[in-house]
Protein backbone atom coordinates (compact mmCIF):
# COMPACT_ATOMS: atom_id res chain seq x y z
CA MET A 1 -3.66 -6.53 0.96
CA GLU A 2 -0.97 -4.80 -0.84
CA THR A 3 0.70 -1.13 -0.30
CA ARG A 4 -0.82 1.31 -2.67
CA VAL A 5 2.08 3.53 -4.19
CA GLY A 6 1.37 7.11 -5.61
CA ASP A 7 3.12 8.80 -8.56
CA LEU A 8 6.67 10.31 -8.22
CA GLU A 9 6.34 13.91 -7.80
CA VAL A 10 9.28 16.30 -8.28
CA SER A 11 9.31 19.93 -7.12
CA TYR A 12 12.11 22.58 -6.83
CA SER A 13 13.15 24.69 -3.94
CA ALA A 14 13.88 28.53 -4.13
CA ARG A 15 17.49 27.68 -4.38
CA GLY A 16 16.65 25.23 -7.60
CA ALA A 17 17.13 22.12 -5.38
CA ARG A 18 15.12 19.31 -6.72
CA THR A 19 12.97 17.11 -4.26
CA TYR A 20 11.11 13.88 -5.19
CA ARG A 21 8.04 13.19 -3.18
CA LEU A 22 5.90 9.94 -3.03
CA GLU A 23 2.95 8.91 -1.15
CA LEU A 24 2.30 5.34 0.30
CA TRP A 25 -1.08 3.95 1.72
CA HIS A 26 -1.75 0.69 3.24
CA PRO A 27 -5.59 0.45 3.74
CA GLY A 28 -5.50 -2.73 6.02
CA LEU A 29 -3.09 -1.08 8.48
CA SER A 30 -4.79 2.34 7.86
CA LYS A 31 -1.22 3.81 7.36
CA HIS A 32 -0.22 6.62 5.22
CA ARG A 33 3.36 8.19 4.66
CA VAL A 34 4.91 10.75 2.48
CA ILE A 35 8.52 9.86 1.43
CA LYS A 36 10.78 12.55 0.17
CA GLY A 37 14.43 12.98 -0.93
CA ASN A 38 16.49 14.79 -3.57
CA GLU A 39 17.21 11.65 -5.68
CA ALA A 40 14.71 9.41 -7.18
CA SER A 41 16.72 6.21 -6.30
CA ILE A 42 16.86 7.06 -2.62
CA VAL A 43 13.17 7.90 -2.46
CA GLU A 44 12.58 4.31 -4.16
CA ARG A 45 14.84 2.63 -1.58
CA LYS A 46 13.02 4.32 1.25
CA VAL A 47 9.83 2.99 -0.41
CA GLU A 48 11.16 -0.50 -0.63
CA LEU A 49 12.02 -0.38 2.96
CA GLN A 50 8.60 0.77 4.15
CA ILE A 51 6.74 -1.51 1.74
CA GLU A 52 8.61 -4.41 3.46
CA ASP A 53 7.80 -3.04 6.80
CA TRP A 54 4.32 -2.75 6.26
CA SER A 55 3.96 -6.33 4.48
CA GLN A 56 5.41 -7.73 7.44
CA LYS A 57 3.16 -6.14 9.84
CA TRP A 58 0.02 -6.96 7.61
CA ALA A 59 1.10 -10.63 7.37
CA ALA A 60 1.32 -10.78 10.98
CA ALA A 61 -2.07 -9.27 11.39
CA GLU A 62 -3.46 -11.82 8.98
CA ARG A 63 -1.95 -14.75 10.88
CA ARG A 64 -3.53 -13.57 14.03
CA GLU A 65 -6.78 -13.29 12.12
CA GLU A 66 -6.48 -16.57 10.82
CA SER A 67 -5.59 -18.25 14.08
CA SER A 68 -8.91 -16.92 15.22
CA ARG A 69 -10.86 -18.72 12.31
CA LEU A 70 -9.24 -22.10 13.19
CA ARG A 71 -10.98 -22.87 16.22
CA ASP A 72 -11.99 -26.50 16.02
CA ASN A 73 -14.18 -26.98 19.38
CA LYS A 74 -15.30 -24.98 22.17
CA LYS A 75 -12.43 -25.73 24.43
CA GLN A 76 -9.70 -25.11 21.80
CA GLN A 77 -11.71 -21.71 21.24
CA GLN A 78 -11.29 -20.86 25.00
CA GLU A 79 -7.69 -21.58 25.11
CA GLU A 80 -7.01 -19.66 21.97
CA GLN A 81 -9.07 -16.80 23.45
CA LYS A 82 -7.03 -16.82 26.47
CA GLU A 83 -3.83 -16.93 24.34
CA LEU A 84 -4.98 -14.11 22.34
CA ALA A 85 -5.87 -11.87 25.36
CA ALA A 86 -2.20 -12.71 26.54
CA GLU A 87 -0.93 -11.84 23.18
CA ARG A 88 -2.86 -8.56 23.01
CA THR A 89 -1.68 -7.77 26.51
CA ALA A 90 1.91 -8.38 25.75
CA GLU A 91 1.55 -6.31 22.60
CA ALA A 92 -0.17 -3.39 24.68
CA GLN A 93 2.47 -3.47 27.35
CA ALA A 94 5.19 -3.54 24.68
CA GLU A 95 3.62 -0.63 22.67
CA LEU A 96 3.45 1.43 26.19
CA GLU A 97 7.23 0.42 26.93
CA ALA A 98 8.19 1.56 23.42
CA LEU A 99 6.66 4.90 24.12
CA GLU A 100 8.17 5.32 27.73
CA THR A 101 11.75 4.27 26.19
CA VAL A 102 11.78 6.40 22.91
CA LEU A 103 14.92 8.34 24.12
CA ALA A 104 16.60 4.98 25.48
CA HIS A 105 16.04 3.37 22.32
CA THR A 106 18.14 5.43 20.14
CA LEU A 107 21.22 5.43 22.47
CA SER A 108 22.39 2.07 21.39
CA VAL A 109 22.02 2.85 17.79
CA ASP A 110 24.66 4.44 15.59
CA ASP A 111 22.89 6.98 13.81
CA ALA A 112 25.31 7.92 11.16
CA ILE A 113 24.44 7.07 7.73
CA ASP A 114 26.41 4.08 6.40
CA TRP A 115 26.92 4.82 2.86
CA ASP A 116 27.80 1.65 1.78
CA SER A 117 24.56 0.10 3.27
CA LEU A 118 22.56 2.42 0.60
CA ARG A 119 24.49 0.69 -2.19
CA ASP A 120 22.80 -1.97 -4.15
CA HIS A 121 25.21 -5.02 -3.41
CA SER A 122 22.59 -7.54 -5.01
CA GLU A 123 23.73 -9.94 -7.60
CA PHE A 124 21.92 -10.98 -10.93
CA THR A 125 20.36 -14.20 -9.54
CA GLU A 126 18.64 -15.38 -12.74
CA PRO A 127 20.55 -18.43 -13.81
CA SER A 128 21.83 -18.62 -17.45
CA PRO A 129 19.71 -20.43 -19.76
CA GLN A 130 20.01 -24.18 -19.86
CA SER A 131 20.37 -25.70 -23.31
CA PRO A 132 17.45 -27.80 -24.05
CA PRO A 133 17.82 -31.34 -25.20
CA LYS A 134 19.32 -31.57 -28.63
CA PRO A 135 16.82 -32.83 -31.18
CA SER A 136 17.23 -36.37 -32.29
CA PRO A 137 19.27 -36.96 -35.42
CA ALA A 138 18.06 -38.05 -38.73
CA PRO A 139 17.77 -42.00 -39.13
CA VAL A 140 20.40 -43.80 -41.22
CA GLU A 141 19.83 -44.08 -44.78
CA PRO A 142 18.05 -47.31 -45.81
CA LEU A 143 20.23 -50.09 -47.60
CA SER A 144 19.08 -51.43 -50.85
CA SER A 145 20.20 -54.70 -49.78
CA VAL A 146 17.24 -54.83 -47.25
CA TYR A 147 14.73 -54.47 -49.85
CA GLU A 148 16.10 -57.33 -52.19
CA PRO A 149 13.14 -59.39 -53.17
CA THR A 150 12.91 -62.81 -51.93
CA LEU A 151 12.30 -65.46 -54.76
CA THR A 152 10.77 -68.63 -54.55
CA PHE A 153 11.51 -71.50 -57.06
CA LEU A 154 8.16 -70.74 -59.03
CA ASP A 155 9.34 -67.15 -59.00
CA ARG A 156 12.31 -68.16 -60.69
CA LEU A 157 10.49 -70.39 -63.21
CA VAL A 158 7.82 -67.76 -63.99
CA ALA A 159 9.45 -64.36 -65.24
CA SER A 160 6.17 -62.23 -64.71
CA ARG A 161 6.10 -63.25 -60.92
CA ARG A 162 9.68 -62.59 -60.43
CA GLN A 163 9.34 -59.09 -62.20
CA ARG A 164 6.54 -58.12 -60.02
CA LYS A 165 8.40 -59.00 -56.73
CA VAL A 166 11.49 -57.16 -58.14
CA GLU A 167 9.22 -54.06 -58.99
CA GLN A 168 7.57 -54.08 -55.60
CA ALA A 169 10.89 -54.42 -53.80
CA THR A 170 12.23 -51.55 -55.67
CA ALA A 171 9.12 -49.38 -55.06
CA SER A 172 9.48 -49.99 -51.28
CA TYR A 173 13.23 -49.06 -51.17
CA GLU A 174 12.52 -45.80 -53.06
CA LEU A 175 9.75 -44.82 -50.62
CA ALA A 176 11.86 -45.64 -47.54
CA ARG A 177 14.61 -43.45 -49.25
CA THR A 178 12.38 -40.70 -50.02
CA ARG A 179 11.14 -40.70 -46.53
CA TRP A 180 14.69 -40.88 -45.19
CA GLN A 181 15.60 -37.78 -47.39
CA ASP A 182 12.57 -35.74 -45.90
CA GLU A 183 13.59 -36.82 -42.36
CA VAL A 184 17.23 -35.63 -43.15
CA VAL A 185 15.94 -32.28 -44.08
CA ALA A 186 13.49 -31.87 -41.03
CA ALA A 187 16.30 -33.09 -38.67
CA ARG A 188 18.80 -30.43 -40.01
CA GLU A 189 15.89 -27.77 -39.77
CA ARG A 190 15.19 -28.83 -36.06
CA GLU A 191 18.99 -28.80 -35.23
CA GLU A 192 19.22 -25.15 -36.71
CA ALA A 193 16.32 -24.02 -35.04
CA TRP A 194 17.34 -25.51 -31.63
CA GLN A 195 20.83 -23.71 -32.21
CA LEU A 196 19.16 -20.45 -32.99
CA GLY A 197 16.90 -20.89 -29.91
CA VAL A 198 19.98 -21.52 -27.62
CA GLU A 199 21.65 -18.50 -28.94
CA ALA A 200 18.68 -16.01 -28.59
CA ALA A 201 18.26 -17.40 -24.90
CA ILE A 202 21.74 -16.44 -24.09
CA VAL A 203 21.36 -13.01 -25.92
CA ASP A 204 18.27 -12.35 -23.95
CA TRP A 205 19.57 -13.38 -20.76
CA GLU A 206 22.80 -11.26 -21.45
CA GLU A 207 20.71 -8.36 -22.05
CA ARG A 208 18.70 -8.86 -18.78
CA ARG A 209 21.88 -9.04 -17.09
CA LYS A 210 23.44 -6.04 -18.50
CA LYS A 211 20.35 -3.91 -17.77
CA PHE A 212 20.40 -5.08 -14.05
CA LEU A 213 23.93 -4.13 -13.73
CA SER A 214 23.65 -0.70 -15.59
CA ALA A 215 20.59 0.06 -13.34
CA GLN A 216 22.72 -1.10 -10.47
CA GLN A 217 25.53 0.99 -11.37
CA GLU A 218 23.41 4.17 -11.95
CA ALA A 219 21.57 3.61 -8.64
CA ASN A 220 25.12 3.45 -6.63
CA ALA A 221 26.37 6.41 -8.75
CA VAL A 222 23.65 8.48 -7.25
CA VAL A 223 24.55 7.31 -3.79
CA ASP A 224 28.22 8.09 -4.66
CA ARG A 225 27.09 11.55 -5.97
CA GLU A 226 25.05 12.38 -2.87
CA ARG A 227 27.83 11.36 -0.61
CA ALA A 228 30.39 13.49 -2.53
CA ALA A 229 27.94 16.39 -2.18
CA TYR A 230 27.40 15.98 1.38
CA GLU A 231 31.23 15.36 2.27
CA ALA A 232 31.84 18.58 0.07
CA GLY A 233 29.60 20.52 2.49
CA ASP A 234 26.66 21.22 0.10
CA PRO A 235 23.83 22.43 2.08
CA ASP A 236 21.09 20.62 0.16
CA ALA A 237 22.99 17.26 0.44
CA LEU A 238 23.21 17.96 4.20
CA LEU A 239 19.50 18.74 4.31
CA ASP A 240 18.88 15.25 2.42
CA TYR A 241 21.27 13.60 4.65
CA CYS A 242 19.55 14.62 7.81
CA ASP A 243 16.27 13.89 6.19
CA LEU A 244 17.64 10.30 5.61
CA VAL A 245 18.79 9.88 9.36
CA LEU A 246 15.32 11.00 10.57
CA SER A 247 13.64 8.54 8.18
CA ARG A 248 15.87 5.59 9.44
CA SER A 249 14.59 6.37 12.89
CA ASP A 250 12.41 3.55 14.37
CA TYR A 251 9.43 4.99 16.23
CA PRO A 252 6.18 3.64 17.64
CA SER A 253 3.38 3.69 15.19
CA CYS A 254 1.51 6.31 16.62
CA MET A 255 3.98 8.91 15.53
CA PRO A 256 3.24 10.90 12.39
CA ASN A 257 6.96 10.65 11.07
CA GLU A 258 6.48 13.80 9.36
CA TRP A 259 9.02 16.56 9.58
CA ARG A 260 10.35 19.74 7.59
CA LEU A 261 14.03 20.60 7.32
CA ASP A 262 16.03 24.08 6.79
CA TYR A 263 19.59 24.67 6.96
CA VAL A 264 21.07 28.21 7.84
CA ALA A 265 24.60 27.97 6.30
CA GLU A 266 25.48 31.39 7.73
CA ASN A 267 25.34 29.82 11.47
CA ARG A 268 25.31 26.05 10.51
CA THR A 269 22.11 25.74 12.21
CA LEU A 270 19.54 23.10 11.11
CA VAL A 271 15.76 23.97 11.94
CA VAL A 272 13.57 20.84 12.43
CA GLU A 273 9.86 21.38 12.27
CA TYR A 274 8.74 18.03 13.64
CA ASP A 275 4.98 16.74 13.72
CA LEU A 276 4.04 15.20 16.95
CA PRO A 277 0.97 13.10 17.80
CA ASP A 278 -1.74 14.44 19.42
CA LEU A 279 -3.34 13.17 22.71
CA ASP A 280 -5.94 10.76 21.04
CA SER A 281 -3.41 9.00 19.06
CA ILE A 282 -1.46 7.76 22.28
CA PRO A 283 -2.30 4.17 22.91
CA THR A 284 -3.81 3.50 26.31
CA LEU A 285 -4.66 -0.19 26.43
CA VAL A 286 -2.99 -2.03 29.39
CA GLU A 287 -4.47 -5.20 29.56
CA VAL A 288 -6.71 -7.69 27.95
CA ARG A 289 -8.60 -10.26 29.72
CA TYR A 290 -10.82 -13.23 28.40
CA VAL A 291 -13.98 -13.75 30.65
CA GLN A 292 -14.79 -17.39 29.99
CA SER A 293 -18.25 -17.33 31.33
CA ARG A 294 -19.36 -14.63 29.10
CA ASP A 295 -17.19 -15.41 26.17
CA GLU A 296 -16.04 -11.81 25.83
CA PHE A 297 -12.91 -9.85 26.28
CA THR A 298 -12.35 -7.00 28.90
CA GLU A 299 -10.05 -4.30 28.36
CA LYS A 300 -8.19 -2.17 30.96
CA GLU A 301 -7.05 1.16 30.00
CA LEU A 302 -4.63 3.79 31.43
CA PRO A 303 -6.31 6.33 33.62
CA ASP A 304 -6.34 9.86 32.02
CA SER A 305 -3.96 11.23 34.35
CA LYS A 306 -1.23 8.60 33.27
CA VAL A 307 -1.94 9.03 29.65
CA ARG A 308 -1.44 12.67 29.98
CA SER A 309 1.95 12.14 31.95
CA LEU A 310 3.03 9.49 29.31
CA TYR A 311 2.33 11.81 26.38
CA ASP A 312 4.10 14.84 28.09
CA ALA A 313 7.17 12.43 28.59
CA LEU A 314 7.02 11.24 25.00
CA LEU A 315 7.28 14.61 23.64
CA TYR A 316 10.18 15.63 25.72
CA GLN A 317 11.87 12.50 24.66
CA VAL A 318 11.25 12.87 21.04
CA ALA A 319 12.78 16.32 21.06
CA LEU A 320 16.01 15.20 22.71
CA ARG A 321 16.01 11.96 20.72
CA THR A 322 15.90 14.12 17.37
CA VAL A 323 18.50 16.39 18.18
CA HIS A 324 20.81 13.44 19.50
CA GLU A 325 20.30 11.49 16.32
CA LEU A 326 21.34 14.36 13.84
CA PHE A 327 24.13 15.48 16.05
CA GLU A 328 25.36 11.79 16.13
CA ALA A 329 24.89 11.37 12.48
CA ASP A 330 26.85 14.66 11.87
CA THR A 331 30.27 12.87 11.14
CA LEU A 332 31.42 15.91 9.10
CA GLY A 333 30.63 18.50 11.58
CA GLY A 334 28.29 20.50 9.53
CA LEU A 335 25.86 21.33 12.37
CA ASP A 336 26.71 23.80 14.99
CA ALA A 337 23.28 23.93 16.27
CA ILE A 338 19.86 22.34 15.96
CA VAL A 339 16.41 24.03 16.64
CA PHE A 340 13.73 21.52 17.31
CA ASN A 341 9.98 22.98 16.95
CA GLY A 342 7.29 20.26 17.96
CA CYS A 343 4.11 20.80 16.13
CA VAL A 344 0.68 19.30 16.95
CA THR A 345 -2.24 19.14 14.69
CA SER A 346 -5.49 18.45 16.58
CA VAL A 347 -9.28 19.47 16.31
CA ASP A 348 -9.78 22.83 18.16
CA PRO A 349 -12.61 22.15 20.58
CA ARG A 350 -13.94 25.68 20.12
CA THR A 351 -14.29 25.76 16.23
CA GLY A 352 -14.35 22.08 15.43
CA HIS A 353 -11.56 22.54 12.89
CA GLU A 354 -7.99 21.27 12.76
CA ALA A 355 -5.33 23.70 13.93
CA THR A 356 -1.66 23.21 13.99
CA GLY A 357 0.51 24.87 16.58
CA CYS A 358 4.12 24.70 17.95
CA ILE A 359 3.85 23.57 21.57
CA LEU A 360 7.51 23.12 22.41
CA SER A 361 10.96 24.60 20.96
CA LEU A 362 14.41 23.76 21.89
CA GLN A 363 17.63 25.21 20.78
CA ALA A 364 20.79 23.04 21.40
CA ALA A 365 24.21 24.01 20.63
CA LYS A 366 26.37 20.97 19.67
CA ASP A 367 28.99 20.89 22.16
CA GLU A 368 26.69 21.76 25.14
CA PHE A 369 24.09 18.92 24.04
CA LEU A 370 26.83 16.18 23.51
CA ALA A 371 28.21 16.85 27.16
CA VAL A 372 24.88 15.38 28.49
CA ASN A 373 24.47 11.81 29.42
CA LEU A 374 21.12 11.24 27.94
CA SER A 375 20.87 7.65 29.47
CA GLN A 376 20.56 9.20 32.96
CA VAL A 377 18.60 12.29 32.51
CA ASP A 378 14.86 13.17 33.25
CA PRO A 379 13.87 14.19 29.75
CA LYS A 380 11.60 17.31 31.00
CA ALA A 381 14.28 18.26 33.33
CA CYS A 382 16.77 18.08 30.51
CA PHE A 383 14.58 19.95 28.07
CA LYS A 384 14.39 22.67 30.66
CA ALA A 385 18.02 23.03 31.43
CA LEU A 386 18.69 23.35 27.75
CA LYS A 387 16.30 26.36 27.93
CA GLY A 388 13.68 24.55 25.87
CA VAL A 389 10.42 26.35 25.64
CA GLY A 390 7.05 24.78 26.30
CA SER A 391 4.09 24.82 28.58
CA SER A 392 4.55 22.90 31.82
CA ARG A 393 1.54 20.55 30.77
CA LEU A 394 2.30 19.77 26.94
CA HIS A 395 -1.02 17.81 26.72
CA SER A 396 -2.81 21.10 27.11
CA LEU A 397 -1.38 21.87 23.52
CA THR A 398 -0.65 25.45 24.58
CA PRO A 399 1.14 27.05 21.59
CA VAL A 400 4.58 28.69 22.14
CA ALA A 401 6.50 30.99 19.87
CA PRO A 402 9.39 28.78 18.09
CA ILE A 403 12.92 30.02 19.23
CA MET A 404 13.58 29.97 15.40
CA GLN A 405 11.33 29.51 12.63
CA MET A 406 11.67 28.05 9.03
CA ARG A 407 12.94 30.48 6.40
CA ARG A 408 10.21 31.71 4.25
CA GLU A 409 12.28 32.51 1.05
CA ASP A 410 10.51 32.48 -2.13
CA GLY A 411 12.23 33.30 -5.39
CA ARG A 412 8.89 34.85 -6.62
CA PHE A 413 8.92 37.79 -4.27
CA VAL A 414 9.47 41.36 -5.48
CA SER A 415 10.10 44.53 -3.93
CA ALA A 416 6.71 45.92 -2.92
CA ARG A 417 5.46 49.59 -4.03
CA GLU A 418 3.49 51.92 -1.71
CA ILE A 419 0.18 52.60 -3.25
CA ALA A 420 -2.44 53.44 -0.59
CA ASN A 421 -1.04 57.01 -0.05
CA THR A 422 -1.68 57.89 -3.47
CA LEU A 423 -5.17 57.11 -3.37
CA ASP A 424 -8.25 59.45 -2.65
CA ASP A 425 -12.02 59.67 -3.42
CA SER A 426 -11.28 60.10 -7.28
CA MET A 427 -9.77 56.73 -7.79
CA ASN A 428 -11.74 54.05 -9.09
CA LEU A 429 -10.36 50.70 -7.78
CA ALA A 430 -11.95 49.01 -10.68
CA ALA A 431 -10.18 50.93 -13.44
CA MET A 432 -6.66 51.10 -11.83
CA ASP A 433 -3.66 49.55 -13.23
CA TRP A 434 -3.62 45.71 -12.43
CA GLU A 435 -0.42 45.56 -11.14
CA ASP A 436 -0.69 48.67 -8.74
CA PHE A 437 -3.97 46.76 -7.46
CA GLU A 438 -1.78 43.84 -6.50
CA HIS A 439 0.70 45.97 -4.69
CA LEU A 440 -2.61 47.84 -2.93
CA ILE A 441 -3.76 44.49 -1.56
CA ARG A 442 -0.38 43.61 -0.54
CA GLU A 443 -0.10 47.01 1.59
CA LEU A 444 -3.64 46.47 2.82
CA PHE A 445 -3.19 43.08 4.35
CA GLU A 446 0.38 44.04 5.60
CA GLN A 447 -1.43 46.89 7.42
CA GLU A 448 -4.06 44.16 8.85
CA PHE A 449 -1.44 41.55 9.76
CA GLN A 450 1.12 43.86 11.26
CA THR A 451 -0.31 43.92 14.91
CA SER A 452 0.44 40.33 15.19
CA GLY A 453 3.94 40.51 13.60
CA GLY A 454 2.89 39.15 10.30
CA GLU A 455 4.36 39.80 7.06
CA VAL A 456 3.02 40.21 3.57
CA LYS A 457 4.91 39.77 0.33
CA VAL A 458 4.15 40.35 -3.24
CA THR A 459 4.94 38.06 -5.93
CA GLN A 460 6.35 38.78 -9.48
CA ALA A 461 3.59 40.31 -11.67
CA SER A 462 2.10 37.46 -13.64
CA ARG A 463 -1.31 38.62 -14.64
CA ASP A 464 -2.52 35.02 -14.67
CA GLY A 465 -4.57 34.68 -11.75
CA GLY A 466 -2.18 32.68 -9.64
CA VAL A 467 -0.45 33.91 -6.54
CA ASP A 468 -0.33 37.65 -6.02
CA ALA A 469 0.73 37.95 -2.46
CA ILE A 470 1.82 35.52 0.34
CA ALA A 471 1.24 36.50 3.95
CA PHE A 472 3.18 34.92 6.96
CA ASP A 473 1.07 35.26 10.32
CA PRO A 474 3.16 34.05 12.95
CA ASP A 475 0.06 33.45 15.27
CA PRO A 476 0.62 29.69 16.71
CA ILE A 477 -3.20 28.99 16.42
CA ARG A 478 -4.75 30.83 13.50
CA GLY A 479 -1.49 31.70 11.65
CA GLY A 480 0.75 30.06 9.02
CA LYS A 481 1.08 30.68 5.25
CA ILE A 482 -1.83 32.50 3.69
CA VAL A 483 -2.15 32.87 -0.23
CA ILE A 484 -3.91 35.99 -1.35
CA GLN A 485 -5.09 36.67 -5.01
CA ALA A 486 -6.25 40.23 -5.99
CA LYS A 487 -8.79 40.14 -9.10
CA ARG A 488 -9.60 43.66 -10.52
CA TYR A 489 -12.70 42.55 -12.11
CA THR A 490 -15.76 44.20 -13.57
CA ASN A 491 -17.68 41.13 -13.89
CA VAL A 492 -18.69 38.57 -11.35
CA VAL A 493 -16.12 36.31 -10.33
CA GLY A 494 -17.12 32.65 -11.05
CA VAL A 495 -16.56 29.40 -9.29
CA ALA A 496 -13.51 28.59 -11.56
CA ALA A 497 -11.61 31.30 -9.85
CA VAL A 498 -12.20 29.98 -6.36
CA ARG A 499 -11.62 26.36 -7.45
CA ASP A 500 -7.99 27.70 -8.58
CA LEU A 501 -7.37 29.68 -5.52
CA TYR A 502 -8.09 26.38 -3.30
CA GLY A 503 -5.91 24.36 -5.59
CA THR A 504 -3.36 26.87 -5.09
CA VAL A 505 -3.82 26.83 -1.33
CA VAL A 506 -3.13 22.96 -1.57
CA ASN A 507 -0.07 23.34 -3.78
CA GLU A 508 1.66 25.89 -1.73
CA GLY A 509 1.05 23.95 1.28
CA ALA A 510 -0.82 27.13 2.84
CA THR A 511 -3.23 27.23 5.75
CA LYS A 512 -5.57 29.54 3.96
CA GLY A 513 -6.44 31.44 0.90
CA ILE A 514 -8.14 34.87 0.43
CA LEU A 515 -9.57 36.18 -2.89
CA VAL A 516 -10.06 39.75 -3.20
CA THR A 517 -11.93 41.32 -6.00
CA THR A 518 -13.37 44.62 -6.97
CA SER A 519 -16.70 43.01 -7.96
CA ASP A 520 -18.57 40.33 -6.46
CA TYR A 521 -18.81 36.48 -6.45
CA GLY A 522 -21.70 34.10 -7.91
CA PRO A 523 -23.59 31.90 -5.77
CA ASP A 524 -21.54 28.69 -6.76
CA ALA A 525 -18.37 30.64 -5.86
CA TYR A 526 -19.56 31.09 -2.26
CA SER A 527 -20.96 27.62 -2.15
CA PHE A 528 -17.64 26.08 -3.15
CA ALA A 529 -15.98 28.28 -0.64
CA LYS A 530 -18.04 26.92 2.14
CA ASP A 531 -16.37 24.77 4.86
CA LYS A 532 -13.04 25.32 3.10
CA PRO A 533 -10.13 27.42 4.41
CA LEU A 534 -11.25 30.21 1.86
CA THR A 535 -12.11 33.62 2.43
CA LEU A 536 -13.78 35.72 -0.54
CA LEU A 537 -13.94 39.46 -0.42
CA ASN A 538 -15.91 41.49 -2.59
CA GLY A 539 -15.78 45.04 -3.48
CA ALA A 540 -17.52 46.49 -0.46
CA ASN A 541 -15.40 44.24 1.75
CA LEU A 542 -12.47 45.84 0.22
CA LEU A 543 -13.61 49.35 0.72
CA HIS A 544 -14.45 48.52 4.20
CA LEU A 545 -10.84 47.22 4.93
CA LEU A 546 -9.45 50.27 3.01
CA GLY A 547 -11.31 52.56 5.21
CA LYS A 548 -10.33 50.73 8.32
CA HIS A 549 -6.66 51.64 7.77
CA GLY A 550 -7.60 55.14 6.83
CA THR A 551 -7.40 55.01 2.88
CA ARG A 552 -10.28 56.21 0.84
CA ALA A 553 -11.22 55.07 -2.70
CA ARG A 554 -14.16 54.24 -4.51
CA ILE A 555 -15.47 51.21 -6.93
CA ASP A 556 -17.67 52.31 -9.86
CA ILE A 557 -17.90 49.17 -12.22
CA PRO A 558 -19.85 51.05 -15.34
CA GLU A 559 -17.28 53.63 -15.29
CA ALA A 560 -14.61 51.07 -15.27
CA ARG A 561 -15.78 49.17 -17.98
CA LYS A 562 -15.92 52.36 -20.20
CA VAL A 563 -12.47 53.43 -19.14
CA LEU A 564 -11.12 49.96 -19.76
CA GLY A 565 -13.06 49.78 -23.11
CA LEU A 566 -15.00 46.62 -21.96
């Protein structure tokens, strides 16, 4: 089973930095990964390494499956079952040991990027074309002497007999010579075709070789440019370098291997938002035994208390390991501090829906962190000594406030205008200026979120139904990035607008979408929004929210249609 590779996507940051993104799936292994980078060739190189890794794992799985099918008799089957049980036990114990030694594993690895290893040093291995056997030459010209007639005594006496034999010999010679001439022409054509074929094969081979070398040179030039940008202190190149460092880190398969990075150049601080596994993702198998009398396997699992202890220890190790790898790889000294925010996505038992929260946060200064002997520390004690923040029981997934959050800059944001204080009972919201309406919605939700420290920003006026405002709710459980769309409508809002909102939520990487209108929604719109992270607020909901925050206004759809000439 082969790895499925998605399409290469390109996006641009607020600073104009280009980022490539590509998704991979391996159905057989139930694996999925998103690979990112700011150069397509580097992303492709990461993809090649991941495909190779998954191919090897899938081949190993197929070999194990094949071995289970090759049992010739009961005794052999039993022996193989015992061996399989021992193999599964060894794998399970190795997997548990890998989780217990996540931090120790990285201490023997030089995490600095060897730029030369990213360059393509492969050679063009296609051999030059071999000349095919040369075609056979034309035969030798026939000799007329070979066709001289053989005359008997009678032939010499009878002139007619002699003449007939001479004519026959002459005709045979002429026929042989004609055939020879035809063969000379054919041989010459065969040799010319052979020569052209040889030359064409060499030209094609040379063309393929040039393309290979050109592509190799271009890929290496990308690596060289990336290296030069990093060594010049370019913030985007530093981010991509750090991303590459983390992507080369070898973790157990239960780790999501997803993260987001931000670099604050003013204080040379890297913020890492790292996805951690939930408790259910941790392997618990300890031993597999084959019970011969029942011809079945029995499995021994870790007790719950040890699973929770293993989980907590793993998360502390991941935090320390991530900071260690990034500092060790920082050969140019571009990082003075690193903030690690560990996030877990799990199903909230209260709602049955997925929720993401930060459950541990650590800020480490480089000099202080590098002074720690990680080979001898207790990960939890070290994390606490470095003033890390987290619940005493990480497995409880208790959210904490991150020490420092990712920046939320967006070039679309514009200065807000105060609109609410200009409203009274005479203002018909359905007829007000559409841009003023967007600012009103921003102001309304800013008042709604301000009790939790939230922030709402209005985007540049577009009047295209796109993102009108973005809210940032810091609540670790229900919060996140919220897309808000405002539609000053006098007609019922159809399902198309709700579909567009959902697509925007996905594209923006938001946790929720809110659509506010002065009118109402059709049944199909409400049906589509059901079971999705979408909230639809109609005109009545809008007036209620405004009243909640002390703003009075009204909505009169027929009047608005007359005013707007609809």
